[in-house]
Amino acid sequence: MAITLIASLSLCHAQDAQMGALIGQSLSKLQEDSSPEAFQTCIAELKRIDAMYPGSAAPKFYIALQSLNFSVMNPHAEQTEALMAEAEQAIAQLEEIQQTDQSDICTLKGFLYMVRIVQDPAVNGQRYYLDVMNYYEKALKLNPENRLALQLQQKFFEGMNQR
């Protein structure tokens, strides 16, 4: 029984490493090319990885993150609403996985509302400002070392100061 447990743990670790490598390959392509097409290709690859590892949080996290990155950079593109819906779905799936870092979920939710503000600042600024602030603050309270939450919060403050 101990051998079975050790073998299954080794298999899980190997699968995690393989999944991480696949995610890394997909994300690395965005370093070279950050065009809308490259984002869509990356997100499609992440969806395939998610299908290969359905119970894993990492692919879902990166699907949401890259969908939101695309959307914040292309707030009025034809694909943006579909990608925003994709991000919302991935976030909801992450909430169902118990091992998911709650700080990451709060960060993604804050980013989602931040994108909504970028899409229409006059209408959505006042509506979602507090949501963005509260989600980033909660993310950083849960994990003060969450670099993504820190970076997005800083970008949010910079954007608000420009108005």
N, C-alpha and C. Protein backbone atom coordinates (compact mmCIF):
# COMPACT_ATOMS: atom_id res chain seq x y z
N MET A 1 0.82 -1.19 0.00
CA MET A 1 0.00 0.00 0.00
C MET A 1 0.87 1.26 0.00
N ALA A 2 1.94 1.25 0.78
CA ALA A 2 2.84 2.39 0.82
C ALA A 2 3.47 2.63 -0.54
N ILE A 3 3.81 1.55 -1.24
CA ILE A 3 4.42 1.68 -2.57
C ILE A 3 3.42 2.30 -3.54
N THR A 4 2.16 1.90 -3.45
CA THR A 4 1.12 2.46 -4.31
C THR A 4 0.97 3.96 -4.04
N LEU A 5 0.98 4.34 -2.77
CA LEU A 5 0.85 5.74 -2.40
C LEU A 5 2.04 6.54 -2.94
N ILE A 6 3.25 6.03 -2.76
CA ILE A 6 4.44 6.71 -3.24
C ILE A 6 4.42 6.80 -4.76
N ALA A 7 4.03 5.72 -5.42
CA ALA A 7 3.96 5.73 -6.88
C ALA A 7 2.93 6.74 -7.38
N SER A 8 1.79 6.82 -6.70
CA SER A 8 0.77 7.78 -7.15
C SER A 8 1.22 9.21 -6.90
N LEU A 9 1.93 9.45 -5.78
CA LEU A 9 2.46 10.79 -5.52
C LEU A 9 3.51 11.16 -6.55
N SER A 10 4.36 10.21 -6.91
CA SER A 10 5.37 10.47 -7.94
C SER A 10 4.71 10.77 -9.28
N LEU A 11 3.67 10.04 -9.60
CA LEU A 11 2.95 10.25 -10.84
C LEU A 11 2.32 11.63 -10.85
N CYS A 12 1.69 12.03 -9.72
CA CYS A 12 1.09 13.36 -9.64
C CYS A 12 2.14 14.45 -9.81
N HIS A 13 3.28 14.27 -9.17
CA HIS A 13 4.36 15.26 -9.30
C HIS A 13 4.84 15.33 -10.74
N ALA A 14 5.00 14.18 -11.39
CA ALA A 14 5.43 14.16 -12.79
C ALA A 14 4.39 14.84 -13.67
N GLN A 15 3.11 14.57 -13.40
CA GLN A 15 2.05 15.21 -14.18
C GLN A 15 2.06 16.72 -13.95
N ASP A 16 2.25 17.16 -12.71
CA ASP A 16 2.31 18.59 -12.41
C ASP A 16 3.47 19.24 -13.15
N ALA A 17 4.61 18.57 -13.17
CA ALA A 17 5.78 19.11 -13.87
C ALA A 17 5.51 19.19 -15.37
N GLN A 18 4.90 18.15 -15.91
CA GLN A 18 4.58 18.14 -17.34
C GLN A 18 3.56 19.24 -17.66
N MET A 19 2.54 19.37 -16.82
CA MET A 19 1.53 20.41 -17.02
C MET A 19 2.18 21.79 -16.94
N GLY A 20 3.04 21.99 -15.96
CA GLY A 20 3.74 23.26 -15.81
C GLY A 20 4.60 23.59 -17.02
N ALA A 21 5.25 22.57 -17.57
CA ALA A 21 6.07 22.78 -18.77
C ALA A 21 5.20 23.18 -19.95
N LEU A 22 4.06 22.53 -20.10
CA LEU A 22 3.14 22.86 -21.20
C LEU A 22 2.61 24.29 -21.06
N ILE A 23 2.24 24.66 -19.84
CA ILE A 23 1.75 26.02 -19.60
C ILE A 23 2.87 27.02 -19.90
N GLY A 24 4.06 26.71 -19.43
CA GLY A 24 5.20 27.59 -19.69
C GLY A 24 5.48 27.78 -21.17
N GLN A 25 5.37 26.70 -21.95
CA GLN A 25 5.56 26.81 -23.40
C GLN A 25 4.53 27.73 -24.02
N SER A 26 3.28 27.58 -23.61
CA SER A 26 2.22 28.43 -24.16
C SER A 26 2.44 29.90 -23.80
N LEU A 27 2.76 30.14 -22.54
CA LEU A 27 2.94 31.52 -22.09
C LEU A 27 4.19 32.17 -22.70
N SER A 28 5.22 31.36 -22.94
CA SER A 28 6.46 31.92 -23.48
C SER A 28 6.25 32.50 -24.87
N LYS A 29 5.29 31.98 -25.59
CA LYS A 29 5.01 32.51 -26.94
C LYS A 29 4.54 33.96 -26.87
N LEU A 30 3.90 34.34 -25.77
CA LEU A 30 3.43 35.72 -25.62
C LEU A 30 4.59 36.68 -25.36
N GLN A 31 5.73 36.15 -24.92
CA GLN A 31 6.92 36.99 -24.73
C GLN A 31 7.42 37.52 -26.07
N GLU A 32 7.29 36.67 -27.10
CA GLU A 32 7.79 37.01 -28.43
C GLU A 32 6.75 37.81 -29.23
N ASP A 33 5.48 37.53 -28.99
CA ASP A 33 4.41 38.11 -29.80
C ASP A 33 3.20 38.34 -28.91
N SER A 34 2.85 39.59 -28.69
CA SER A 34 1.69 39.88 -27.84
C SER A 34 0.52 40.42 -28.67
N SER A 35 0.44 39.95 -29.90
CA SER A 35 -0.67 40.36 -30.75
C SER A 35 -1.96 39.70 -30.28
N PRO A 36 -3.10 40.25 -30.67
CA PRO A 36 -4.38 39.61 -30.30
C PRO A 36 -4.45 38.15 -30.75
N GLU A 37 -3.89 37.85 -31.92
CA GLU A 37 -3.90 36.48 -32.42
C GLU A 37 -3.07 35.56 -31.53
N ALA A 38 -1.93 36.06 -31.05
CA ALA A 38 -1.06 35.26 -30.18
C ALA A 38 -1.77 34.97 -28.86
N PHE A 39 -2.50 35.96 -28.34
CA PHE A 39 -3.26 35.73 -27.11
C PHE A 39 -4.32 34.66 -27.32
N GLN A 40 -5.02 34.74 -28.44
CA GLN A 40 -6.08 33.77 -28.71
C GLN A 40 -5.49 32.36 -28.87
N THR A 41 -4.34 32.26 -29.52
CA THR A 41 -3.67 30.97 -29.67
C THR A 41 -3.25 30.43 -28.31
N CYS A 42 -2.68 31.29 -27.49
CA CYS A 42 -2.25 30.89 -26.14
C CYS A 42 -3.44 30.40 -25.32
N ILE A 43 -4.53 31.13 -25.35
CA ILE A 43 -5.71 30.75 -24.58
C ILE A 43 -6.26 29.41 -25.09
N ALA A 44 -6.25 29.21 -26.40
CA ALA A 44 -6.71 27.92 -26.96
C ALA A 44 -5.80 26.79 -26.48
N GLU A 45 -4.50 27.02 -26.43
CA GLU A 45 -3.57 26.00 -25.93
C GLU A 45 -3.81 25.73 -24.45
N LEU A 46 -4.06 26.78 -23.69
CA LEU A 46 -4.34 26.60 -22.26
C LEU A 46 -5.62 25.80 -22.05
N LYS A 47 -6.60 26.00 -22.91
CA LYS A 47 -7.84 25.22 -22.82
C LYS A 47 -7.57 23.74 -23.09
N ARG A 48 -6.68 23.46 -24.04
CA ARG A 48 -6.32 22.06 -24.30
C ARG A 48 -5.60 21.46 -23.09
N ILE A 49 -4.71 22.22 -22.48
CA ILE A 49 -4.01 21.75 -21.29
C ILE A 49 -5.02 21.51 -20.16
N ASP A 50 -5.99 22.41 -20.03
CA ASP A 50 -7.02 22.25 -19.02
C ASP A 50 -7.82 20.97 -19.25
N ALA A 51 -8.08 20.64 -20.50
CA ALA A 51 -8.80 19.41 -20.83
C ALA A 51 -7.97 18.17 -20.46
N MET A 52 -6.65 18.31 -20.58
CA MET A 52 -5.76 17.20 -20.23
C MET A 52 -5.64 17.02 -18.71
N TYR A 53 -5.78 18.11 -17.97
CA TYR A 53 -5.65 18.10 -16.51
C TYR A 53 -6.88 18.79 -15.90
N PRO A 54 -8.05 18.19 -16.01
CA PRO A 54 -9.31 18.86 -15.65
C PRO A 54 -9.44 19.29 -14.19
N GLY A 55 -8.81 18.63 -13.26
CA GLY A 55 -8.95 18.99 -11.85
C GLY A 55 -7.91 19.97 -11.37
N SER A 56 -7.07 20.44 -12.26
CA SER A 56 -5.96 21.31 -11.87
C SER A 56 -6.35 22.79 -11.95
N ALA A 57 -5.87 23.54 -11.01
CA ALA A 57 -6.17 24.97 -10.96
C ALA A 57 -5.32 25.78 -11.93
N ALA A 58 -4.08 25.39 -12.15
CA ALA A 58 -3.16 26.22 -12.92
C ALA A 58 -3.67 26.57 -14.32
N PRO A 59 -4.13 25.61 -15.12
CA PRO A 59 -4.61 26.00 -16.46
C PRO A 59 -5.78 26.98 -16.39
N LYS A 60 -6.68 26.77 -15.45
CA LYS A 60 -7.83 27.65 -15.30
C LYS A 60 -7.39 29.06 -14.91
N PHE A 61 -6.41 29.13 -13.99
CA PHE A 61 -5.88 30.42 -13.58
C PHE A 61 -5.32 31.18 -14.78
N TYR A 62 -4.52 30.48 -15.59
CA TYR A 62 -3.89 31.16 -16.73
C TYR A 62 -4.88 31.45 -17.86
N ILE A 63 -5.91 30.64 -18.00
CA ILE A 63 -6.97 30.96 -18.97
C ILE A 63 -7.62 32.28 -18.57
N ALA A 64 -7.98 32.39 -17.29
CA ALA A 64 -8.60 33.63 -16.80
C ALA A 64 -7.63 34.81 -16.95
N LEU A 65 -6.40 34.62 -16.53
CA LEU A 65 -5.43 35.71 -16.56
C LEU A 65 -5.17 36.20 -17.98
N GLN A 66 -4.94 35.28 -18.90
CA GLN A 66 -4.64 35.70 -20.27
C GLN A 66 -5.87 36.26 -20.98
N SER A 67 -7.04 35.74 -20.64
CA SER A 67 -8.28 36.31 -21.19
C SER A 67 -8.44 37.76 -20.72
N LEU A 68 -8.14 38.00 -19.46
CA LEU A 68 -8.23 39.35 -18.91
C LEU A 68 -7.12 40.25 -19.45
N ASN A 69 -5.91 39.71 -19.63
CA ASN A 69 -4.83 40.50 -20.23
C ASN A 69 -5.21 40.95 -21.63
N PHE A 70 -5.74 40.01 -22.43
CA PHE A 70 -6.21 40.37 -23.77
C PHE A 70 -7.25 41.48 -23.68
N SER A 71 -8.22 41.29 -22.79
CA SER A 71 -9.34 42.21 -22.68
C SER A 71 -8.93 43.60 -22.22
N VAL A 72 -7.97 43.69 -21.32
CA VAL A 72 -7.54 45.01 -20.85
C VAL A 72 -6.73 45.73 -21.94
N MET A 73 -6.05 44.96 -22.77
CA MET A 73 -5.26 45.56 -23.85
C MET A 73 -6.12 45.86 -25.09
N ASN A 74 -7.23 45.17 -25.21
CA ASN A 74 -8.13 45.32 -26.37
C ASN A 74 -9.57 45.43 -25.87
N PRO A 75 -9.88 46.49 -25.10
CA PRO A 75 -11.18 46.54 -24.42
C PRO A 75 -12.40 46.57 -25.34
N HIS A 76 -12.20 46.97 -26.58
CA HIS A 76 -13.34 47.09 -27.49
C HIS A 76 -13.24 46.14 -28.68
N ALA A 77 -12.36 45.16 -28.59
CA ALA A 77 -12.21 44.19 -29.68
C ALA A 77 -13.43 43.29 -29.74
N GLU A 78 -13.65 42.73 -30.90
CA GLU A 78 -14.80 41.86 -31.12
C GLU A 78 -14.80 40.65 -30.18
N GLN A 79 -13.62 40.12 -29.86
CA GLN A 79 -13.49 38.91 -29.05
C GLN A 79 -13.56 39.17 -27.55
N THR A 80 -13.50 40.42 -27.14
CA THR A 80 -13.34 40.75 -25.73
C THR A 80 -14.47 40.20 -24.85
N GLU A 81 -15.70 40.38 -25.25
CA GLU A 81 -16.80 39.91 -24.40
C GLU A 81 -16.77 38.39 -24.23
N ALA A 82 -16.44 37.67 -25.30
CA ALA A 82 -16.34 36.21 -25.19
C ALA A 82 -15.21 35.82 -24.25
N LEU A 83 -14.11 36.54 -24.32
CA LEU A 83 -12.98 36.24 -23.43
C LEU A 83 -13.28 36.64 -21.99
N MET A 84 -14.05 37.69 -21.80
CA MET A 84 -14.45 38.06 -20.45
C MET A 84 -15.35 36.97 -19.86
N ALA A 85 -16.24 36.44 -20.66
CA ALA A 85 -17.10 35.34 -20.20
C ALA A 85 -16.25 34.12 -19.89
N GLU A 86 -15.23 33.87 -20.71
CA GLU A 86 -14.30 32.76 -20.48
C GLU A 86 -13.58 32.94 -19.15
N ALA A 87 -13.15 34.17 -18.87
CA ALA A 87 -12.46 34.46 -17.61
C ALA A 87 -13.40 34.23 -16.42
N GLU A 88 -14.63 34.70 -16.54
CA GLU A 88 -15.59 34.51 -15.45
C GLU A 88 -15.84 33.02 -15.19
N GLN A 89 -15.93 32.25 -16.26
CA GLN A 89 -16.15 30.81 -16.12
C GLN A 89 -14.95 30.14 -15.45
N ALA A 90 -13.75 30.52 -15.87
CA ALA A 90 -12.54 29.94 -15.28
C ALA A 90 -12.44 30.29 -13.79
N ILE A 91 -12.79 31.53 -13.45
CA ILE A 91 -12.76 31.95 -12.04
C ILE A 91 -13.76 31.12 -11.23
N ALA A 92 -14.95 30.93 -11.78
CA ALA A 92 -15.96 30.11 -11.09
C ALA A 92 -15.46 28.68 -10.90
N GLN A 93 -14.78 28.13 -11.89
CA GLN A 93 -14.23 26.78 -11.77
C GLN A 93 -13.13 26.74 -10.71
N LEU A 94 -12.32 27.78 -10.66
CA LEU A 94 -11.27 27.86 -9.64
C LEU A 94 -11.86 27.87 -8.23
N GLU A 95 -12.98 28.55 -8.07
CA GLU A 95 -13.62 28.62 -6.76
C GLU A 95 -14.09 27.25 -6.29
N GLU A 96 -14.32 26.34 -7.21
CA GLU A 96 -14.78 25.00 -6.86
C GLU A 96 -13.62 24.06 -6.49
N ILE A 97 -12.39 24.45 -6.78
CA ILE A 97 -11.22 23.63 -6.46
C ILE A 97 -10.70 24.09 -5.10
N GLN A 98 -10.78 23.20 -4.13
CA GLN A 98 -10.45 23.58 -2.75
C GLN A 98 -9.01 24.04 -2.57
N GLN A 99 -8.08 23.48 -3.33
CA GLN A 99 -6.67 23.82 -3.14
C GLN A 99 -6.29 25.18 -3.75
N THR A 100 -7.21 25.80 -4.47
CA THR A 100 -6.89 27.06 -5.12
C THR A 100 -6.59 28.14 -4.10
N ASP A 101 -5.54 28.89 -4.36
CA ASP A 101 -5.15 30.00 -3.51
C ASP A 101 -6.23 31.08 -3.58
N GLN A 102 -6.87 31.36 -2.46
CA GLN A 102 -7.95 32.36 -2.43
C GLN A 102 -7.45 33.75 -2.81
N SER A 103 -6.20 34.02 -2.54
CA SER A 103 -5.62 35.30 -2.92
C SER A 103 -5.61 35.44 -4.45
N ASP A 104 -5.32 34.34 -5.14
CA ASP A 104 -5.33 34.38 -6.61
C ASP A 104 -6.75 34.61 -7.15
N ILE A 105 -7.73 33.99 -6.52
CA ILE A 105 -9.12 34.18 -6.96
C ILE A 105 -9.52 35.65 -6.77
N CYS A 106 -9.19 36.22 -5.64
CA CYS A 106 -9.51 37.64 -5.40
C CYS A 106 -8.80 38.54 -6.40
N THR A 107 -7.56 38.21 -6.72
CA THR A 107 -6.80 38.99 -7.69
C THR A 107 -7.49 38.96 -9.05
N LEU A 108 -7.88 37.78 -9.48
CA LEU A 108 -8.55 37.66 -10.78
C LEU A 108 -9.89 38.40 -10.79
N LYS A 109 -10.63 38.33 -9.70
CA LYS A 109 -11.90 39.05 -9.63
C LYS A 109 -11.67 40.56 -9.69
N GLY A 110 -10.66 41.03 -8.99
CA GLY A 110 -10.33 42.45 -9.06
C GLY A 110 -9.95 42.86 -10.47
N PHE A 111 -9.18 42.02 -11.13
CA PHE A 111 -8.74 42.30 -12.50
C PHE A 111 -9.95 42.32 -13.44
N LEU A 112 -10.89 41.40 -13.24
CA LEU A 112 -12.09 41.35 -14.06
C LEU A 112 -12.84 42.68 -13.99
N TYR A 113 -13.05 43.18 -12.78
CA TYR A 113 -13.75 44.45 -12.63
C TYR A 113 -12.91 45.62 -13.14
N MET A 114 -11.61 45.51 -13.03
CA MET A 114 -10.73 46.54 -13.56
C MET A 114 -10.89 46.63 -15.08
N VAL A 115 -10.98 45.50 -15.74
CA VAL A 115 -11.18 45.49 -17.19
C VAL A 115 -12.52 46.14 -17.53
N ARG A 116 -13.54 45.86 -16.75
CA ARG A 116 -14.86 46.48 -16.98
C ARG A 116 -14.74 48.01 -16.91
N ILE A 117 -13.94 48.50 -15.98
CA ILE A 117 -13.74 49.95 -15.88
C ILE A 117 -13.02 50.46 -17.12
N VAL A 118 -12.00 49.75 -17.58
CA VAL A 118 -11.26 50.17 -18.77
C VAL A 118 -12.18 50.20 -20.00
N GLN A 119 -13.11 49.26 -20.06
CA GLN A 119 -14.03 49.21 -21.19
C GLN A 119 -14.91 50.45 -21.28
N ASP A 120 -15.36 50.95 -20.16
CA ASP A 120 -16.24 52.12 -20.14
C ASP A 120 -16.08 52.86 -18.82
N PRO A 121 -15.03 53.68 -18.73
CA PRO A 121 -14.72 54.35 -17.46
C PRO A 121 -15.87 55.22 -16.94
N ALA A 122 -16.57 55.91 -17.84
CA ALA A 122 -17.63 56.83 -17.39
C ALA A 122 -18.76 56.08 -16.71
N VAL A 123 -19.13 54.95 -17.23
CA VAL A 123 -20.24 54.18 -16.67
C VAL A 123 -19.76 53.24 -15.56
N ASN A 124 -18.68 52.51 -15.84
CA ASN A 124 -18.25 51.44 -14.93
C ASN A 124 -17.29 51.88 -13.84
N GLY A 125 -16.68 53.04 -13.99
CA GLY A 125 -15.72 53.50 -12.99
C GLY A 125 -16.32 53.57 -11.60
N GLN A 126 -17.41 54.31 -11.50
CA GLN A 126 -18.06 54.47 -10.20
C GLN A 126 -18.70 53.15 -9.74
N ARG A 127 -19.19 52.37 -10.69
CA ARG A 127 -19.89 51.12 -10.36
C ARG A 127 -18.94 50.08 -9.77
N TYR A 128 -17.71 49.96 -10.33
CA TYR A 128 -16.81 48.86 -9.96
C TYR A 128 -15.56 49.26 -9.18
N TYR A 129 -15.36 50.55 -8.99
CA TYR A 129 -14.16 51.03 -8.31
C TYR A 129 -13.94 50.33 -6.96
N LEU A 130 -14.98 50.32 -6.12
CA LEU A 130 -14.84 49.71 -4.79
C LEU A 130 -14.63 48.21 -4.87
N ASP A 131 -15.25 47.56 -5.85
CA ASP A 131 -15.04 46.12 -6.02
C ASP A 131 -13.57 45.83 -6.31
N VAL A 132 -12.99 46.59 -7.23
CA VAL A 132 -11.58 46.39 -7.57
C VAL A 132 -10.71 46.60 -6.34
N MET A 133 -10.94 47.71 -5.65
CA MET A 133 -10.15 48.02 -4.45
C MET A 133 -10.28 46.90 -3.41
N ASN A 134 -11.51 46.48 -3.15
CA ASN A 134 -11.74 45.47 -2.12
C ASN A 134 -11.13 44.12 -2.48
N TYR A 135 -11.23 43.71 -3.74
CA TYR A 135 -10.65 42.42 -4.14
C TYR A 135 -9.13 42.44 -4.05
N TYR A 136 -8.50 43.53 -4.48
CA TYR A 136 -7.04 43.60 -4.37
C TYR A 136 -6.59 43.65 -2.91
N GLU A 137 -7.31 44.41 -2.10
CA GLU A 137 -6.97 44.47 -0.68
C GLU A 137 -7.13 43.11 -0.01
N LYS A 138 -8.20 42.41 -0.34
CA LYS A 138 -8.42 41.08 0.23
C LYS A 138 -7.34 40.11 -0.23
N ALA A 139 -6.99 40.18 -1.52
CA ALA A 139 -5.93 39.31 -2.05
C ALA A 139 -4.63 39.53 -1.29
N LEU A 140 -4.30 40.79 -1.05
CA LEU A 140 -3.04 41.10 -0.37
C LEU A 140 -3.10 40.82 1.12
N LYS A 141 -4.29 40.87 1.68
CA LYS A 141 -4.44 40.49 3.09
C LYS A 141 -4.23 38.98 3.24
N LEU A 142 -4.77 38.21 2.28
CA LEU A 142 -4.61 36.76 2.31
C LEU A 142 -3.17 36.35 2.02
N ASN A 143 -2.52 37.08 1.12
CA ASN A 143 -1.14 36.77 0.74
C ASN A 143 -0.42 38.07 0.38
N PRO A 144 0.27 38.68 1.35
CA PRO A 144 0.98 39.93 1.09
C PRO A 144 2.07 39.81 0.03
N GLU A 145 2.47 38.58 -0.29
CA GLU A 145 3.52 38.34 -1.28
C GLU A 145 2.97 38.11 -2.68
N ASN A 146 1.67 38.26 -2.90
CA ASN A 146 1.06 38.03 -4.20
C ASN A 146 1.48 39.15 -5.15
N ARG A 147 2.49 38.86 -5.96
CA ARG A 147 3.07 39.88 -6.84
C ARG A 147 2.07 40.38 -7.89
N LEU A 148 1.26 39.46 -8.41
CA LEU A 148 0.28 39.87 -9.41
C LEU A 148 -0.72 40.86 -8.80
N ALA A 149 -1.19 40.57 -7.61
CA ALA A 149 -2.13 41.49 -6.94
C ALA A 149 -1.47 42.85 -6.70
N LEU A 150 -0.22 42.84 -6.27
CA LEU A 150 0.50 44.09 -6.04
C LEU A 150 0.65 44.88 -7.34
N GLN A 151 1.02 44.20 -8.42
CA GLN A 151 1.21 44.87 -9.71
C GLN A 151 -0.10 45.44 -10.25
N LEU A 152 -1.15 44.63 -10.17
CA LEU A 152 -2.44 45.10 -10.68
C LEU A 152 -3.01 46.24 -9.84
N GLN A 153 -2.83 46.14 -8.53
CA GLN A 153 -3.29 47.22 -7.66
C GLN A 153 -2.55 48.52 -8.01
N GLN A 154 -1.24 48.41 -8.22
CA GLN A 154 -0.45 49.59 -8.58
C GLN A 154 -0.92 50.17 -9.91
N LYS A 155 -1.15 49.32 -10.91
CA LYS A 155 -1.65 49.77 -12.21
C LYS A 155 -3.01 50.46 -12.05
N PHE A 156 -3.84 49.89 -11.20
CA PHE A 156 -5.16 50.47 -10.97
C PHE A 156 -5.03 51.87 -10.38
N PHE A 157 -4.17 52.02 -9.37
CA PHE A 157 -3.97 53.34 -8.76
C PHE A 157 -3.42 54.33 -9.79
N GLU A 158 -2.47 53.88 -10.60
CA GLU A 158 -1.91 54.74 -11.64
C GLU A 158 -2.99 55.19 -12.62
N GLY A 159 -3.83 54.25 -13.02
CA GLY A 159 -4.91 54.58 -13.94
C GLY A 159 -5.91 55.57 -13.33
N MET A 160 -6.20 55.39 -12.06
CA MET A 160 -7.15 56.29 -11.39
C MET A 160 -6.55 57.69 -11.22
N ASN A 161 -5.24 57.75 -10.99
CA ASN A 161 -4.59 59.05 -10.81
C ASN A 161 -4.51 59.84 -12.12
N GLN A 162 -4.60 59.15 -13.24
CA GLN A 162 -4.54 59.82 -14.54
C GLN A 162 -5.87 60.48 -14.89
N ARG A 163 -6.91 60.14 -14.20
CA ARG A 163 -8.25 60.66 -14.52
C ARG A 163 -8.50 62.00 -13.88
